[in-house]
Amino acid sequence: MVVQPQPASLQSAGASRAQLSGDLTHKTVVDVLPQGLALLQQAGDEWTVNLQQVGQVSSAGVALLLEWLRAATALNKALYIECLPEHMEPIIRISDLEPVFGPLLRPAA
């Protein structure tokens, strides 16, 4: 039996915050990428994404966050991540991205 990923969802949680939920796989991140880019453009000097409700994660989830980071940098905005799932950490570590993600991590508000 193949387990289907839960759709990813991104909800605004205020002018500079968003809540990401569901699974982050190659099948689901394409739906939330443009939503995140739009919310990022509307945000002030910084944008915080809370990942507390994220389920399964693949390298596509890391790629999604990297794309939002690229966009934030291009817009001269800061991106912060709250509640990074523990099961995402090995992907970041094996990809040698700890120096990139370390400064982005924030405790939950």
N, C-alpha and C. Protein backbone atom coordinates (compact mmCIF):
# COMPACT_ATOMS: atom_id res chain seq x y z
N MET A 1 0.84 -1.18 0.00
CA MET A 1 0.00 0.00 0.00
C MET A 1 0.88 1.25 0.00
N VAL A 2 0.66 2.12 -0.95
CA VAL A 2 1.41 3.36 -1.06
C VAL A 2 0.68 4.45 -0.28
N VAL A 3 1.40 5.12 0.58
CA VAL A 3 0.82 6.21 1.36
C VAL A 3 0.92 7.49 0.55
N GLN A 4 -0.21 8.11 0.31
CA GLN A 4 -0.24 9.36 -0.43
C GLN A 4 0.10 10.51 0.50
N PRO A 5 0.91 11.45 0.02
CA PRO A 5 1.25 12.60 0.87
C PRO A 5 0.03 13.49 1.11
N GLN A 6 0.00 14.08 2.29
CA GLN A 6 -1.04 15.05 2.61
C GLN A 6 -0.73 16.35 1.88
N PRO A 7 -1.71 17.00 1.29
CA PRO A 7 -1.44 18.26 0.59
C PRO A 7 -0.80 19.28 1.53
N ALA A 8 0.10 20.05 0.99
CA ALA A 8 0.71 21.14 1.75
C ALA A 8 -0.21 22.35 1.69
N SER A 9 -0.19 23.11 2.75
CA SER A 9 -1.02 24.31 2.84
C SER A 9 -0.22 25.42 3.50
N LEU A 10 -0.38 26.62 3.01
CA LEU A 10 0.29 27.78 3.60
C LEU A 10 -0.76 28.84 3.90
N GLN A 11 -0.86 29.20 5.17
CA GLN A 11 -1.84 30.19 5.60
C GLN A 11 -1.15 31.39 6.20
N SER A 12 -1.60 32.57 5.82
CA SER A 12 -1.09 33.79 6.43
C SER A 12 -1.50 33.81 7.90
N ALA A 13 -0.57 34.22 8.75
CA ALA A 13 -0.83 34.32 10.19
C ALA A 13 -0.51 35.73 10.66
N GLY A 14 -0.79 36.70 9.81
CA GLY A 14 -0.47 38.09 10.10
C GLY A 14 0.37 38.66 8.98
N ALA A 15 0.71 39.92 9.09
CA ALA A 15 1.42 40.61 8.01
C ALA A 15 2.78 40.02 7.69
N SER A 16 3.46 39.46 8.66
CA SER A 16 4.81 38.96 8.43
C SER A 16 5.01 37.53 8.92
N ARG A 17 3.90 36.76 8.98
CA ARG A 17 3.98 35.39 9.48
C ARG A 17 3.12 34.47 8.62
N ALA A 18 3.51 33.20 8.56
CA ALA A 18 2.72 32.20 7.86
C ALA A 18 2.86 30.86 8.56
N GLN A 19 1.84 30.02 8.41
CA GLN A 19 1.81 28.68 8.99
C GLN A 19 1.81 27.68 7.84
N LEU A 20 2.84 26.83 7.78
CA LEU A 20 2.94 25.80 6.76
C LEU A 20 2.51 24.48 7.37
N SER A 21 1.68 23.72 6.65
CA SER A 21 1.21 22.44 7.18
C SER A 21 1.14 21.41 6.05
N GLY A 22 0.96 20.16 6.43
CA GLY A 22 0.90 19.07 5.47
C GLY A 22 2.28 18.49 5.21
N ASP A 23 2.38 17.69 4.16
CA ASP A 23 3.64 17.05 3.80
C ASP A 23 4.39 17.89 2.77
N LEU A 24 5.71 17.89 2.86
CA LEU A 24 6.55 18.65 1.92
C LEU A 24 7.33 17.66 1.07
N THR A 25 6.74 17.28 -0.06
CA THR A 25 7.35 16.35 -0.99
C THR A 25 7.34 16.97 -2.38
N HIS A 26 7.95 16.28 -3.34
CA HIS A 26 7.98 16.81 -4.70
C HIS A 26 6.58 16.96 -5.28
N LYS A 27 5.61 16.25 -4.73
CA LYS A 27 4.23 16.35 -5.22
C LYS A 27 3.46 17.50 -4.58
N THR A 28 3.90 17.98 -3.44
CA THR A 28 3.11 18.97 -2.71
C THR A 28 3.70 20.38 -2.67
N VAL A 29 5.01 20.50 -2.78
CA VAL A 29 5.61 21.84 -2.61
C VAL A 29 5.26 22.78 -3.76
N VAL A 30 4.97 22.24 -4.93
CA VAL A 30 4.65 23.10 -6.07
C VAL A 30 3.40 23.94 -5.81
N ASP A 31 2.52 23.44 -4.95
CA ASP A 31 1.29 24.18 -4.65
C ASP A 31 1.52 25.37 -3.72
N VAL A 32 2.50 25.26 -2.83
CA VAL A 32 2.70 26.34 -1.85
C VAL A 32 3.83 27.29 -2.22
N LEU A 33 4.66 26.92 -3.18
CA LEU A 33 5.76 27.81 -3.58
C LEU A 33 5.25 29.19 -3.99
N PRO A 34 4.31 29.30 -4.95
CA PRO A 34 3.87 30.64 -5.35
C PRO A 34 3.12 31.39 -4.24
N GLN A 35 2.40 30.66 -3.39
CA GLN A 35 1.71 31.31 -2.27
C GLN A 35 2.72 31.96 -1.33
N GLY A 36 3.80 31.24 -1.05
CA GLY A 36 4.84 31.78 -0.19
C GLY A 36 5.51 33.00 -0.79
N LEU A 37 5.77 32.94 -2.09
CA LEU A 37 6.39 34.09 -2.76
C LEU A 37 5.49 35.32 -2.68
N ALA A 38 4.18 35.12 -2.84
CA ALA A 38 3.24 36.24 -2.75
C ALA A 38 3.19 36.80 -1.33
N LEU A 39 3.14 35.93 -0.32
CA LEU A 39 3.12 36.41 1.07
C LEU A 39 4.42 37.12 1.42
N LEU A 40 5.52 36.61 0.92
CA LEU A 40 6.82 37.22 1.16
C LEU A 40 6.87 38.64 0.59
N GLN A 41 6.33 38.82 -0.59
CA GLN A 41 6.32 40.15 -1.21
C GLN A 41 5.49 41.14 -0.40
N GLN A 42 4.44 40.64 0.24
CA GLN A 42 3.55 41.51 1.03
C GLN A 42 4.09 41.79 2.43
N ALA A 43 5.04 40.98 2.87
CA ALA A 43 5.58 41.11 4.23
C ALA A 43 6.42 42.37 4.37
N GLY A 44 6.66 42.75 5.60
CA GLY A 44 7.53 43.90 5.86
C GLY A 44 8.99 43.52 5.64
N ASP A 45 9.85 43.90 6.56
CA ASP A 45 11.29 43.63 6.43
C ASP A 45 11.66 42.18 6.71
N GLU A 46 10.75 41.44 7.33
CA GLU A 46 11.03 40.03 7.62
C GLU A 46 9.76 39.21 7.48
N TRP A 47 9.96 37.90 7.28
CA TRP A 47 8.84 36.97 7.13
C TRP A 47 9.20 35.70 7.89
N THR A 48 8.31 35.25 8.76
CA THR A 48 8.53 34.06 9.57
C THR A 48 7.54 32.98 9.16
N VAL A 49 8.07 31.78 8.92
CA VAL A 49 7.25 30.63 8.55
C VAL A 49 7.33 29.60 9.68
N ASN A 50 6.18 29.22 10.21
CA ASN A 50 6.11 28.22 11.27
C ASN A 50 5.83 26.86 10.63
N LEU A 51 6.68 25.87 10.96
CA LEU A 51 6.56 24.53 10.38
C LEU A 51 6.03 23.50 11.37
N GLN A 52 5.42 23.94 12.44
CA GLN A 52 4.97 23.04 13.50
C GLN A 52 4.01 21.97 12.99
N GLN A 53 3.20 22.28 11.99
CA GLN A 53 2.19 21.34 11.51
C GLN A 53 2.62 20.59 10.26
N VAL A 54 3.92 20.59 9.96
CA VAL A 54 4.43 19.87 8.79
C VAL A 54 4.57 18.40 9.15
N GLY A 55 4.17 17.53 8.21
CA GLY A 55 4.28 16.09 8.41
C GLY A 55 5.52 15.53 7.74
N GLN A 56 5.34 14.70 6.72
CA GLN A 56 6.46 14.11 6.00
C GLN A 56 7.26 15.19 5.28
N VAL A 57 8.56 14.95 5.18
CA VAL A 57 9.44 15.91 4.50
C VAL A 57 10.42 15.15 3.63
N SER A 58 10.64 15.66 2.42
CA SER A 58 11.70 15.15 1.55
C SER A 58 12.63 16.31 1.24
N SER A 59 13.61 16.06 0.42
CA SER A 59 14.53 17.13 0.03
C SER A 59 13.78 18.25 -0.70
N ALA A 60 12.61 17.95 -1.25
CA ALA A 60 11.81 19.00 -1.90
C ALA A 60 11.37 20.05 -0.89
N GLY A 61 11.14 19.66 0.35
CA GLY A 61 10.78 20.63 1.39
C GLY A 61 11.93 21.56 1.69
N VAL A 62 13.14 21.03 1.72
CA VAL A 62 14.33 21.86 1.92
C VAL A 62 14.50 22.80 0.73
N ALA A 63 14.28 22.29 -0.48
CA ALA A 63 14.39 23.12 -1.68
C ALA A 63 13.36 24.25 -1.66
N LEU A 64 12.16 23.97 -1.16
CA LEU A 64 11.13 25.01 -1.04
C LEU A 64 11.62 26.14 -0.14
N LEU A 65 12.16 25.80 1.02
CA LEU A 65 12.65 26.82 1.94
C LEU A 65 13.82 27.59 1.33
N LEU A 66 14.68 26.90 0.59
CA LEU A 66 15.80 27.59 -0.07
C LEU A 66 15.29 28.56 -1.13
N GLU A 67 14.26 28.19 -1.85
CA GLU A 67 13.70 29.09 -2.86
C GLU A 67 13.10 30.33 -2.21
N TRP A 68 12.40 30.14 -1.10
CA TRP A 68 11.87 31.30 -0.37
C TRP A 68 13.01 32.15 0.18
N LEU A 69 14.10 31.53 0.60
CA LEU A 69 15.26 32.29 1.08
C LEU A 69 15.87 33.11 -0.05
N ARG A 70 15.99 32.52 -1.23
CA ARG A 70 16.52 33.27 -2.38
C ARG A 70 15.64 34.48 -2.69
N ALA A 71 14.34 34.27 -2.67
CA ALA A 71 13.41 35.36 -2.95
C ALA A 71 13.51 36.44 -1.88
N ALA A 72 13.59 36.04 -0.62
CA ALA A 72 13.71 37.01 0.48
C ALA A 72 14.98 37.83 0.32
N THR A 73 16.08 37.17 -0.01
CA THR A 73 17.35 37.87 -0.21
C THR A 73 17.24 38.87 -1.35
N ALA A 74 16.60 38.46 -2.44
CA ALA A 74 16.43 39.35 -3.60
C ALA A 74 15.57 40.56 -3.25
N LEU A 75 14.62 40.38 -2.33
CA LEU A 75 13.74 41.47 -1.90
C LEU A 75 14.32 42.23 -0.70
N ASN A 76 15.53 41.86 -0.27
CA ASN A 76 16.18 42.48 0.88
C ASN A 76 15.34 42.33 2.15
N LYS A 77 14.79 41.12 2.33
CA LYS A 77 14.00 40.82 3.51
C LYS A 77 14.63 39.64 4.23
N ALA A 78 14.37 39.54 5.51
CA ALA A 78 14.87 38.42 6.31
C ALA A 78 13.81 37.32 6.36
N LEU A 79 14.24 36.08 6.23
CA LEU A 79 13.37 34.92 6.37
C LEU A 79 13.75 34.18 7.64
N TYR A 80 12.74 33.84 8.45
CA TYR A 80 12.97 33.07 9.66
C TYR A 80 12.07 31.84 9.65
N ILE A 81 12.55 30.77 10.28
CA ILE A 81 11.82 29.51 10.34
C ILE A 81 11.63 29.13 11.80
N GLU A 82 10.38 28.85 12.16
CA GLU A 82 10.05 28.37 13.50
C GLU A 82 9.66 26.90 13.43
N CYS A 83 10.03 26.16 14.46
CA CYS A 83 9.60 24.77 14.63
C CYS A 83 10.02 23.88 13.47
N LEU A 84 11.29 23.94 13.11
CA LEU A 84 11.80 23.06 12.06
C LEU A 84 11.61 21.61 12.52
N PRO A 85 10.94 20.78 11.71
CA PRO A 85 10.74 19.38 12.12
C PRO A 85 12.07 18.65 12.29
N GLU A 86 12.16 17.84 13.33
CA GLU A 86 13.39 17.09 13.60
C GLU A 86 13.79 16.22 12.42
N HIS A 87 12.81 15.66 11.72
CA HIS A 87 13.11 14.78 10.60
C HIS A 87 13.57 15.53 9.35
N MET A 88 13.59 16.85 9.40
CA MET A 88 14.13 17.65 8.31
C MET A 88 15.63 17.91 8.52
N GLU A 89 16.05 17.84 9.76
CA GLU A 89 17.44 18.14 10.10
C GLU A 89 18.46 17.24 9.40
N PRO A 90 18.23 15.91 9.29
CA PRO A 90 19.22 15.08 8.59
C PRO A 90 19.39 15.46 7.11
N ILE A 91 18.32 15.88 6.47
CA ILE A 91 18.41 16.31 5.07
C ILE A 91 19.28 17.55 4.97
N ILE A 92 19.07 18.48 5.88
CA ILE A 92 19.86 19.72 5.90
C ILE A 92 21.32 19.40 6.20
N ARG A 93 21.55 18.51 7.16
CA ARG A 93 22.91 18.16 7.55
C ARG A 93 23.67 17.46 6.42
N ILE A 94 23.05 16.45 5.80
CA ILE A 94 23.74 15.70 4.75
C ILE A 94 23.94 16.54 3.49
N SER A 95 23.13 17.57 3.34
CA SER A 95 23.28 18.50 2.21
C SER A 95 24.26 19.61 2.52
N ASP A 96 24.84 19.58 3.71
CA ASP A 96 25.81 20.59 4.16
C ASP A 96 25.19 21.99 4.15
N LEU A 97 23.93 22.08 4.57
CA LEU A 97 23.21 23.35 4.57
C LEU A 97 23.02 23.92 5.98
N GLU A 98 23.65 23.32 6.97
CA GLU A 98 23.52 23.84 8.34
C GLU A 98 23.97 25.30 8.44
N PRO A 99 25.05 25.72 7.77
CA PRO A 99 25.42 27.14 7.84
C PRO A 99 24.37 28.07 7.23
N VAL A 100 23.60 27.56 6.28
CA VAL A 100 22.55 28.37 5.65
C VAL A 100 21.33 28.45 6.56
N PHE A 101 20.91 27.31 7.09
CA PHE A 101 19.68 27.27 7.88
C PHE A 101 19.86 27.73 9.33
N GLY A 102 21.05 27.55 9.89
CA GLY A 102 21.27 27.93 11.28
C GLY A 102 20.80 29.33 11.63
N PRO A 103 21.19 30.36 10.87
CA PRO A 103 20.77 31.73 11.20
C PRO A 103 19.27 31.99 11.00
N LEU A 104 18.58 31.11 10.30
CA LEU A 104 17.16 31.31 10.02
C LEU A 104 16.25 30.79 11.12
N LEU A 105 16.76 29.89 11.95
CA LEU A 105 15.93 29.20 12.94
C LEU A 105 15.62 30.09 14.13
N ARG A 106 14.34 30.10 14.50
CA ARG A 106 13.87 30.90 15.63
C ARG A 106 12.98 30.03 16.51
N PRO A 107 12.96 30.29 17.82
CA PRO A 107 12.02 29.58 18.68
C PRO A 107 10.59 30.02 18.34
N ALA A 108 9.63 29.17 18.62
CA ALA A 108 8.23 29.50 18.33
C ALA A 108 7.80 30.71 19.14
N ALA A 109 7.03 31.56 18.51
CA ALA A 109 6.55 32.78 19.18
C ALA A 109 5.37 32.48 20.08
